[in-house]
Structure formats: C-alpha cells, structure tokens
C-alpha cells in the first residue's frame, strides 16, 4: 500500500488486513529467589544457590551472612555479640545441644536452604537469644547416606588436637557423632 500523505485529511480507502500466525516453539519462563529477602520480622538469606558454600560447613555458610560472624574457634556472633540463639528448622536441635562449634562443623553447607536472621525476636521465642536468633532452614530433599569430617590442629609449643565427626542419614533418622581429643600444656 503506497499513499501520499498531505497536510490535512487523507483518505486511504478500505484497508483489508489478513490474519497471519507464526508458530513458535515452547517458551520457558524461569524465576529465581533473591539472595536476600526482607520480611516483617526477619531477614532471609537464600544460600542454596551460593557457590561459595559448596563443600563447606554450616559455619562457613554463617560466616558469609551479613551481620553474622564466626571466629576461628567456631563461636557465632550476631552484630558483635555472642548472645545469639541458633535454631535448626525453627526448633532447638539436639545437634546444637552438643556445642554450637561442633554442630556447625558437622552440618554440611550444601544441606542448607536458607538462613533466617531475627534481630528482634517476638514473644514466641524465649529470652535466650537477647541479641537475636539465627534459624538454619535445611533443604527438604536431603540425601541419605554417610558423610563426615576429620580435623587436625597443632600449635607451638604444646597445643595439639584431633577430631572427627560422622553423620548418617536414613529415611527417618539422622544420627550425628563427634569425637575430639586435645592436648594443651598450660
């Protein structure tokens, strides 16, 4: 259709349009969760896609969460204070009852889905975590099997230690075991 358009009104006559279709292959829409979500009472850090946690422990995961730090001895602090409560899947865990240091070293980082940091806990939590609460949420489709870790430490003049931990997960039971020996001369 060719037309010369002049100033004013131009009559193009009857314009007939024919429907035409294009067949496309399937379209895939992919969405991902944000690395950090801010909710009403907590900050949620989605760590399941974080490549830096592969092969690490829960202590390594927590050390990558903003406002949370883990020192070389495995002590967890939130905003500089060690008065923090650690939960696993929203509940106090027997694993954490061992000692938070050993528990965080025994738990593999790639089993963790997200970390929730609650800096102003509501009344549903005890007053145990004055500074805040760290809730480690595990992935729901965890793999069954056996895993573990072995650690040797030494220092000068007489500071030596060895420890190991084992974790066996079956369909209904998750067993943790840890043993350590340390020699320090005072």
Protein backbone atom coordinates (compact mmCIF):
# COMPACT_ATOMS: atom_id res chain seq x y z
CA UNK A 1 0.00 0.00 0.00
CA UNK A 2 1.51 3.25 -1.07
CA UNK A 3 -0.05 6.55 -0.17
CA UNK A 4 0.93 10.15 -0.31
CA UNK A 5 0.10 11.93 2.89
CA UNK A 6 -0.61 15.60 2.63
CA UNK A 7 -1.39 18.18 5.23
CA UNK A 8 -4.94 17.84 6.47
CA UNK A 9 -7.13 14.79 5.86
CA UNK A 10 -6.02 11.82 3.70
CA UNK A 11 -8.48 9.09 2.71
CA UNK A 12 -6.81 5.69 2.31
CA UNK A 13 -9.98 3.92 1.23
CA UNK A 14 -10.68 0.44 2.55
CA UNK A 15 -7.71 -1.30 4.11
CA UNK A 16 -8.06 -5.08 4.42
CA UNK A 17 -5.85 -6.94 6.90
CA UNK A 18 -5.34 -10.67 6.65
CA UNK A 19 -4.63 -12.66 9.80
CA UNK A 20 -1.24 -14.29 9.86
CA UNK A 21 0.16 -16.51 12.54
CA UNK A 22 3.62 -17.60 13.44
CA UNK A 23 4.09 -20.91 15.19
CA UNK A 24 6.66 -20.71 17.97
CA UNK A 25 8.38 -23.38 19.98
CA UNK A 26 7.68 -23.60 23.68
CA UNK A 27 8.51 -20.65 25.87
CA UNK A 28 10.17 -21.24 29.23
CA UNK A 29 9.92 -18.65 31.98
CA UNK A 30 12.46 -19.08 34.76
CA UNK A 31 12.37 -17.20 38.05
CA UNK A 32 14.82 -17.32 40.91
CA UNK A 33 14.62 -16.22 44.51
CA UNK A 34 16.60 -13.19 45.52
CA UNK A 35 19.77 -13.68 47.53
CA UNK A 36 18.26 -11.69 50.42
CA UNK A 37 14.60 -11.14 51.30
CA UNK A 38 13.42 -8.63 53.87
CA UNK A 39 10.33 -9.85 55.71
CA UNK A 40 8.31 -8.28 58.50
CA UNK A 41 10.23 -9.80 61.41
CA UNK A 42 13.37 -11.24 59.82
CA UNK A 43 15.93 -11.13 57.05
CA UNK A 44 16.15 -14.30 54.96
CA UNK A 45 19.36 -15.19 53.14
CA UNK A 46 18.86 -17.80 50.41
CA UNK A 47 22.12 -19.70 50.32
CA UNK A 48 21.09 -22.77 48.31
CA UNK A 49 22.46 -21.32 45.04
CA UNK A 50 25.57 -19.75 46.61
CA UNK A 51 28.62 -21.41 45.06
CA UNK A 52 30.86 -20.40 47.97
CA UNK A 53 29.10 -22.85 50.32
CA UNK A 54 29.78 -25.93 48.20
CA UNK A 55 31.97 -28.31 50.17
CA UNK A 56 31.87 -26.13 53.28
CA UNK A 57 30.19 -26.44 56.63
CA UNK A 58 27.34 -24.55 58.27
CA UNK A 59 29.97 -22.38 59.98
CA UNK A 60 31.22 -21.33 56.52
CA UNK A 61 27.67 -20.52 55.43
CA UNK A 62 27.00 -18.38 58.51
CA UNK A 63 30.29 -16.55 58.06
CA UNK A 64 29.05 -15.38 54.62
CA UNK A 65 25.78 -13.99 56.02
CA UNK A 66 25.88 -10.22 56.65
CA UNK A 67 25.93 -9.17 60.34
CA UNK A 68 26.85 -12.75 61.36
CA UNK A 69 30.46 -13.74 62.01
CA UNK A 70 32.15 -16.96 63.02
CA UNK A 71 35.60 -16.78 64.62
CA UNK A 72 38.39 -19.34 64.12
CA UNK A 73 37.18 -21.33 67.12
CA UNK A 74 33.66 -21.57 65.66
CA UNK A 75 31.93 -19.11 68.00
CA UNK A 76 28.99 -17.40 66.29
CA UNK A 77 28.21 -13.74 66.91
CA UNK A 78 25.41 -11.55 65.61
CA UNK A 79 26.23 -7.85 65.29
CA UNK A 80 29.28 -8.37 67.51
CA UNK A 81 27.57 -10.22 70.37
CA UNK A 82 27.81 -13.95 71.04
CA UNK A 83 24.49 -13.94 72.92
CA UNK A 84 22.63 -15.47 69.99
CA UNK A 85 20.32 -18.49 69.78
CA UNK A 86 20.76 -20.95 66.91
CA UNK A 87 17.78 -22.98 65.70
CA UNK A 88 17.55 -25.64 63.01
CA UNK A 89 14.27 -25.66 61.08
CA UNK A 90 12.75 -23.37 63.72
CA UNK A 91 13.42 -25.68 66.65
CA UNK A 92 16.20 -26.10 69.17
CA UNK A 93 18.09 -29.07 67.83
CA UNK A 94 19.89 -31.85 69.64
CA UNK A 95 22.68 -31.15 67.21
CA UNK A 96 23.09 -27.64 68.55
CA UNK A 97 22.94 -29.02 72.10
CA UNK A 98 26.35 -30.63 71.60
CA UNK A 99 28.13 -27.33 71.28
CA UNK A 100 27.44 -24.80 68.59
CA UNK A 101 31.04 -25.04 67.40
CA UNK A 102 30.93 -28.80 66.81
CA UNK A 103 27.38 -28.71 65.47
CA UNK A 104 28.16 -26.11 62.83
CA UNK A 105 31.24 -28.03 61.74
CA UNK A 106 29.27 -31.28 61.43
CA UNK A 107 26.44 -29.85 59.33
CA UNK A 108 27.30 -29.67 55.62
CA UNK A 109 26.76 -26.31 53.97
CA UNK A 110 25.04 -27.69 50.89
CA UNK A 111 22.26 -29.17 53.07
CA UNK A 112 21.19 -25.62 54.00
CA UNK A 113 18.42 -23.94 52.02
CA UNK A 114 18.33 -20.57 53.78
CA UNK A 115 19.39 -18.72 56.91
CA UNK A 116 16.88 -16.52 58.74
CA UNK A 117 18.27 -13.76 60.95
CA UNK A 118 15.78 -12.45 63.52
CA UNK A 119 17.23 -9.41 65.28
CA UNK A 120 14.07 -8.50 67.19
CA UNK A 121 12.58 -11.81 68.38
CA UNK A 122 8.90 -11.92 69.28
CA UNK A 123 7.43 -13.36 72.48
CA UNK A 124 7.13 -16.83 70.94
CA UNK A 125 10.88 -17.22 71.45
CA UNK A 126 12.48 -17.47 74.87
CA UNK A 127 14.64 -14.64 76.15
CA UNK A 128 17.61 -16.91 75.50
CA UNK A 129 18.81 -15.05 72.42
CA UNK A 130 18.91 -11.45 73.56
CA UNK A 131 20.70 -10.10 70.50
CA UNK A 132 18.81 -12.28 68.07
CA UNK A 133 18.06 -15.67 66.63
CA UNK A 134 19.64 -17.46 63.69
CA UNK A 135 17.37 -20.09 62.16
CA UNK A 136 19.08 -22.51 59.77
CA UNK A 137 16.48 -23.96 57.39
CA UNK A 138 17.55 -27.24 55.80
CA UNK A 139 16.64 -28.40 52.32
CA UNK A 140 13.67 -30.73 52.38
CA UNK A 141 15.00 -33.31 49.93
CA UNK A 142 18.22 -34.13 51.74
CA UNK A 143 20.30 -37.01 50.51
CA UNK A 144 20.54 -40.18 52.54
CA UNK A 145 23.90 -41.70 53.32
CA UNK A 146 27.05 -41.24 55.33
CA UNK A 147 29.34 -38.23 55.48
CA UNK A 148 31.90 -36.89 57.87
CA UNK A 149 34.88 -34.70 58.52
CA UNK A 150 38.32 -35.06 60.06
CA UNK A 151 40.33 -32.22 61.57
CA UNK A 152 43.87 -32.00 62.93
CA UNK A 153 45.16 -28.92 64.75
CA UNK A 154 48.57 -28.10 66.10
CA UNK A 155 50.29 -25.14 67.64
CA UNK A 156 53.56 -24.19 69.21
CA UNK A 157 54.77 -25.10 71.78
CA UNK A 158 52.30 -27.75 73.00
CA UNK A 159 48.83 -27.35 71.56
CA UNK A 160 47.64 -30.34 69.54
CA UNK A 161 44.28 -31.82 68.73
CA UNK A 162 42.41 -34.21 66.51
CA UNK A 163 38.67 -34.53 65.97
CA UNK A 164 36.26 -36.23 63.63
CA UNK A 165 32.55 -36.26 63.08
CA UNK A 166 30.19 -38.62 61.28
CA UNK A 167 26.65 -38.10 60.07
CA UNK A 168 24.39 -40.91 58.89
CA UNK A 169 21.02 -40.01 57.40
CA UNK A 170 18.37 -42.55 56.52
CA UNK A 171 14.75 -42.05 55.59
CA UNK A 172 13.50 -41.44 59.14
CA UNK A 173 16.63 -40.98 61.28
CA UNK A 174 19.57 -38.60 61.24
CA UNK A 175 22.44 -39.63 63.54
CA UNK A 176 25.35 -37.35 64.40
CA UNK A 177 28.52 -38.38 66.17
CA UNK A 178 31.56 -36.35 67.10
CA UNK A 179 34.77 -37.12 68.95
CA UNK A 180 37.74 -34.95 69.72
CA UNK A 181 40.98 -35.09 71.66
CA UNK A 182 43.12 -32.10 72.58
CA UNK A 183 46.42 -31.76 74.40
CA UNK A 184 47.40 -28.36 75.74
CA UNK A 185 50.19 -27.62 78.11
CA UNK A 186 49.43 -24.72 80.40
